[in-house]
Protein backbone atom coordinates (compact mmCIF):
# COMPACT_ATOMS: atom_id res chain seq x y z
CA MET A 1 -25.21 -23.93 -5.52
CA ALA A 2 -28.16 -21.55 -5.68
CA PHE A 3 -28.24 -18.20 -3.97
CA ALA A 4 -30.60 -15.29 -3.55
CA ILE A 5 -29.72 -11.63 -3.63
CA GLY A 6 -31.83 -8.87 -2.12
CA LEU A 7 -31.24 -5.19 -2.78
CA SER A 8 -32.45 -2.48 -0.43
CA LEU A 9 -32.67 1.13 -1.55
CA SER A 10 -33.32 3.85 1.01
CA ALA A 11 -35.82 6.49 -0.01
CA PRO A 12 -35.41 10.06 1.32
CA ALA A 13 -38.47 9.71 3.59
CA ALA A 14 -36.86 6.87 5.59
CA HIS A 15 -38.73 4.20 3.64
CA ALA A 16 -36.95 1.16 2.24
CA LEU A 17 -37.73 -0.49 -1.06
CA THR A 18 -36.66 -4.11 -1.42
CA LEU A 19 -36.25 -5.47 -4.92
CA PRO A 20 -36.35 -9.29 -5.00
CA PHE A 21 -34.15 -11.16 -7.43
CA ASP A 22 -34.85 -14.60 -8.87
CA ASP A 23 -32.57 -17.43 -7.78
CA TYR A 24 -30.09 -18.53 -10.43
CA SER A 25 -27.86 -21.54 -10.42
CA LEU A 26 -25.14 -21.20 -13.04
CA PRO A 27 -22.90 -24.19 -13.77
CA VAL A 28 -19.20 -23.37 -13.58
CA ASN A 29 -16.21 -25.66 -13.39
CA ASP A 30 -14.52 -26.79 -10.18
CA ASN A 31 -14.02 -24.45 -7.24
CA PRO A 32 -14.95 -20.99 -8.55
CA GLN A 33 -12.76 -18.39 -6.83
CA GLY A 34 -13.48 -15.05 -8.41
CA LEU A 35 -16.60 -13.64 -10.00
CA ASN A 36 -16.76 -10.34 -11.85
CA ALA A 37 -19.52 -8.49 -13.67
CA ASN A 38 -17.99 -6.92 -16.77
CA ASP A 39 -19.07 -6.38 -20.37
CA CYS A 40 -17.32 -9.44 -21.84
CA SER A 41 -19.22 -9.44 -25.14
CA GLY A 42 -18.85 -5.77 -26.07
CA ASP A 43 -22.59 -5.08 -26.25
CA GLY A 44 -22.70 -2.62 -23.34
CA ILE A 45 -24.51 -5.07 -21.00
CA LEU A 46 -22.82 -6.60 -17.95
CA ASP A 47 -21.87 -10.27 -18.27
CA LEU A 48 -20.33 -12.61 -15.68
CA ILE A 49 -16.86 -14.14 -15.69
CA SER A 50 -15.75 -16.74 -13.12
CA ALA A 51 -12.23 -18.01 -12.39
CA ASN A 52 -12.41 -21.75 -11.63
CA PHE A 53 -9.45 -22.66 -9.40
CA ASP A 54 -9.41 -26.48 -9.58
CA SER A 55 -10.27 -26.89 -13.27
CA ASN A 56 -7.84 -24.26 -14.62
CA THR A 57 -10.57 -22.48 -16.57
CA ALA A 58 -12.52 -19.23 -16.66
CA THR A 59 -16.22 -19.34 -17.54
CA ILE A 60 -18.06 -16.49 -19.27
CA PHE A 61 -21.85 -16.08 -19.08
CA GLU A 62 -23.27 -13.61 -21.58
CA ASN A 63 -26.20 -11.47 -20.49
CA SER A 64 -28.63 -11.73 -23.39
CA GLY A 65 -31.40 -9.65 -21.87
CA PRO A 66 -33.52 -9.34 -18.74
CA GLY A 67 -33.09 -12.43 -16.58
CA THR A 68 -31.10 -14.42 -19.16
CA LEU A 69 -27.47 -15.47 -18.76
CA LEU A 70 -26.15 -17.85 -21.42
CA HIS A 71 -23.03 -20.00 -21.05
CA ASP A 72 -20.76 -18.38 -23.61
CA ALA A 73 -17.28 -19.85 -23.21
CA ASN A 74 -14.79 -21.76 -21.11
CA ILE A 75 -11.23 -20.49 -21.40
CA ALA A 76 -8.33 -22.80 -20.54
CA THR A 77 -6.11 -20.83 -18.17
CA ALA A 78 -2.82 -21.08 -16.34
CA ALA A 79 -2.75 -23.15 -13.13
CA GLN A 80 -5.20 -22.30 -10.33
CA PRO A 81 -6.90 -19.15 -11.62
CA SER A 82 -8.13 -16.96 -8.79
CA GLY A 83 -9.57 -13.89 -10.50
CA ALA A 84 -10.87 -12.79 -13.89
CA ALA A 85 -12.11 -9.63 -15.57
CA CYS A 86 -13.10 -8.43 -19.05
CA ALA A 87 -12.23 -5.13 -20.74
CA ASP A 88 -10.30 -3.83 -23.72
CA PHE A 89 -6.96 -4.18 -21.94
CA ASN A 90 -4.73 -3.90 -25.03
CA ASN A 91 -6.69 -0.99 -26.55
CA ASP A 92 -7.45 -2.73 -29.86
CA GLY A 93 -11.21 -2.12 -29.76
CA ARG A 94 -12.07 -5.72 -28.77
CA ILE A 95 -12.97 -7.08 -25.35
CA ASP A 96 -10.26 -9.24 -23.75
CA ALA A 97 -10.24 -11.44 -20.67
CA ALA A 98 -7.52 -11.15 -18.04
CA VAL A 99 -7.08 -14.06 -15.62
CA THR A 100 -4.83 -14.24 -12.58
CA SER A 101 -3.01 -17.45 -11.67
CA TRP A 102 -2.45 -18.06 -7.96
CA LYS A 103 0.03 -20.87 -8.52
CA ASP A 104 2.02 -19.25 -11.35
CA LYS A 105 1.73 -15.73 -9.88
CA THR A 106 0.84 -14.32 -13.30
CA VAL A 107 -1.87 -12.39 -15.09
CA THR A 108 -2.57 -13.69 -18.59
CA LEU A 109 -4.46 -11.73 -21.23
CA TYR A 110 -6.75 -13.67 -23.57
CA SER A 111 -7.48 -11.67 -26.71
CA PRO A 112 -10.12 -12.72 -29.25
CA THR A 113 -7.86 -11.56 -32.09
CA ARG A 114 -4.67 -13.36 -31.15
CA GLY A 115 -5.49 -15.99 -28.51
CA ARG A 116 -3.37 -16.26 -25.40
CA GLU A 117 -0.71 -13.60 -24.94
CA PRO A 118 2.38 -13.92 -22.77
CA SER A 119 2.00 -13.12 -19.09
């Protein structure tokens, strides 16, 4: 599925500036439910993370510069993930992924230092 995003900024003199965005089609697994823009790679630039409900995965796209999103990782998750976010949740200095499971009613933390942690 491709989509277009337009952004309108209002100037003080009642003028509007529209910034066009290019269309991107990013391949994710089955039935993406949640999409978040977070710094998943720890480089200070926003990346994308998608929870994929029917495939029990989360997909991370790393922002490698202007107009470039690279498929970085698929994370196997608990059943029917419905939301995902990246941050240093366990305060160890490394970026983690947290994924919610609609079916299991859990939030699971995926840490790059230890792998999957208990919900």
